[in-house]
Amino acid sequence: MKFYYVYILLCNDATFYVGVTSDIDRRVMEHNAGKYPEAYTHSRRPITLVFYQDFTDPNQTIEFEKKLKKWSSSKKQALIDGDFDRLQDLSECRNATHHKYKPNGGDIEK
């Protein structure tokens, strides 16, 4: 069975890089070796692998990577730490128009 990986790297400037690969060990070595000079991590080496999740479906892998790339650093850190309560809190909508922040929980008065 073939596996695919979504991974998060911690760069030396304290930023995160999210990527996808089918060979996690090779890809981390390539990042640290600076194999691709145009890559985000090239000038931010050394990097450290801080999280990865394996998948058997390449489409799920790509979808998860796209989702993580949109996350804030705080959300990524909560995932890395395995702090799922904090991750849930950070994922809640904070928009003033959200039903949670309206009087009566957003219920229309009758």
Protein backbone atom coordinates (compact mmCIF):
# COMPACT_ATOMS: atom_id res chain seq x y z
CA MET A 1 0.00 0.00 0.00
CA LYS A 2 1.33 3.42 -0.95
CA PHE A 3 1.32 6.21 1.60
CA TYR A 4 1.25 9.95 1.12
CA TYR A 5 2.20 12.47 3.78
CA VAL A 6 1.24 15.99 4.71
CA TYR A 7 3.99 17.47 6.82
CA ILE A 8 4.83 20.62 8.73
CA LEU A 9 8.39 21.87 9.01
CA LEU A 10 9.63 24.38 11.55
CA CYS A 11 12.07 26.73 9.85
CA ASN A 12 14.97 28.47 11.59
CA ASP A 13 13.06 31.79 11.47
CA ALA A 14 10.20 30.21 13.52
CA THR A 15 7.85 30.03 10.52
CA PHE A 16 6.09 26.88 9.38
CA TYR A 17 6.16 25.23 5.98
CA VAL A 18 3.42 22.79 4.94
CA GLY A 19 4.07 20.27 2.19
CA VAL A 20 3.05 16.93 0.73
CA THR A 21 5.19 13.99 -0.35
CA SER A 22 5.18 10.25 -0.88
CA ASP A 23 8.63 9.86 0.76
CA ILE A 24 8.88 11.84 3.99
CA ASP A 25 12.51 10.98 4.81
CA ARG A 26 13.77 11.91 1.34
CA ARG A 27 11.78 15.13 1.26
CA VAL A 28 13.02 16.33 4.67
CA MET A 29 16.62 15.60 3.58
CA GLU A 30 16.02 17.60 0.37
CA HIS A 31 14.71 20.56 2.37
CA ASN A 32 17.74 20.52 4.70
CA ALA A 33 20.17 20.04 1.82
CA GLY A 34 18.70 23.04 -0.01
CA LYS A 35 18.06 21.00 -3.14
CA TYR A 36 15.67 23.60 -4.58
CA PRO A 37 17.12 27.13 -4.33
CA GLU A 38 13.74 28.73 -5.13
CA ALA A 39 11.96 26.87 -2.31
CA TYR A 40 10.57 28.70 0.73
CA THR A 41 12.74 26.66 3.09
CA HIS A 42 16.03 27.20 1.23
CA SER A 43 17.00 30.38 3.09
CA ARG A 44 15.35 29.21 6.31
CA ARG A 45 17.49 26.14 6.98
CA PRO A 46 18.00 24.14 9.05
CA ILE A 47 14.43 22.89 9.22
CA THR A 48 12.87 20.43 11.64
CA LEU A 49 10.03 18.04 10.90
CA VAL A 50 7.46 18.79 13.63
CA PHE A 51 4.33 17.05 12.31
CA TYR A 52 3.18 14.61 9.68
CA GLN A 53 0.02 12.71 8.89
CA ASP A 54 -0.10 9.75 6.54
CA PHE A 55 -2.84 9.02 4.02
CA THR A 56 -3.54 6.26 1.51
CA ASP A 57 -5.73 8.44 -0.73
CA PRO A 58 -3.79 11.11 -2.66
CA ASN A 59 -6.89 13.32 -2.98
CA GLN A 60 -7.39 13.38 0.80
CA THR A 61 -3.72 14.20 1.19
CA ILE A 62 -3.95 17.20 -1.11
CA GLU A 63 -7.16 18.45 0.51
CA PHE A 64 -5.60 18.29 3.99
CA GLU A 65 -2.49 20.10 2.78
CA LYS A 66 -4.61 22.89 1.26
CA LYS A 67 -6.54 23.21 4.51
CA LEU A 68 -3.37 23.41 6.66
CA LYS A 69 -1.78 26.01 4.39
CA LYS A 70 -4.68 28.36 5.20
CA TRP A 71 -4.34 27.91 8.96
CA SER A 72 -2.73 30.47 11.25
CA SER A 73 0.56 29.67 12.95
CA SER A 74 -1.35 29.31 16.23
CA LYS A 75 -3.63 26.65 14.78
CA LYS A 76 -0.67 24.79 13.28
CA GLN A 77 1.12 24.91 16.64
CA ALA A 78 -1.95 23.52 18.42
CA LEU A 79 -2.06 20.64 15.93
CA ILE A 80 1.66 20.00 16.40
CA ASP A 81 1.20 20.02 20.18
CA GLY A 82 -1.78 17.69 19.96
CA ASP A 83 -3.81 20.31 21.85
CA PHE A 84 -7.16 19.56 20.25
CA ASP A 85 -9.15 21.67 22.74
CA ARG A 86 -7.10 24.72 21.77
CA LEU A 87 -7.35 23.77 18.09
CA GLN A 88 -11.15 23.66 18.38
CA ASP A 89 -11.18 27.02 20.17
CA LEU A 90 -8.99 28.58 17.48
CA SER A 91 -11.28 27.13 14.80
CA GLU A 92 -14.44 28.77 16.12
CA CYS A 93 -15.89 31.62 14.13
CA ARG A 94 -15.17 34.97 15.78
CA ASN A 95 -17.21 37.04 13.32
CA ALA A 96 -19.55 39.49 15.06
CA THR A 97 -22.40 38.31 12.84
CA HIS A 98 -22.00 34.69 13.97
CA HIS A 99 -25.12 33.39 15.74
CA LYS A 100 -23.10 32.75 18.90
CA TYR A 101 -22.52 36.48 19.40
CA LYS A 102 -26.06 37.71 18.71
CA PRO A 103 -28.67 38.23 21.41
CA ASN A 104 -30.78 35.11 21.98
CA GLY A 105 -28.16 33.03 20.18
CA GLY A 106 -29.29 34.39 16.84
CA ASP A 107 -32.89 33.27 17.30
CA ILE A 108 -35.47 35.51 15.72
CA GLU A 109 -37.83 36.93 18.31
CA LYS A 110 -41.48 36.11 17.78
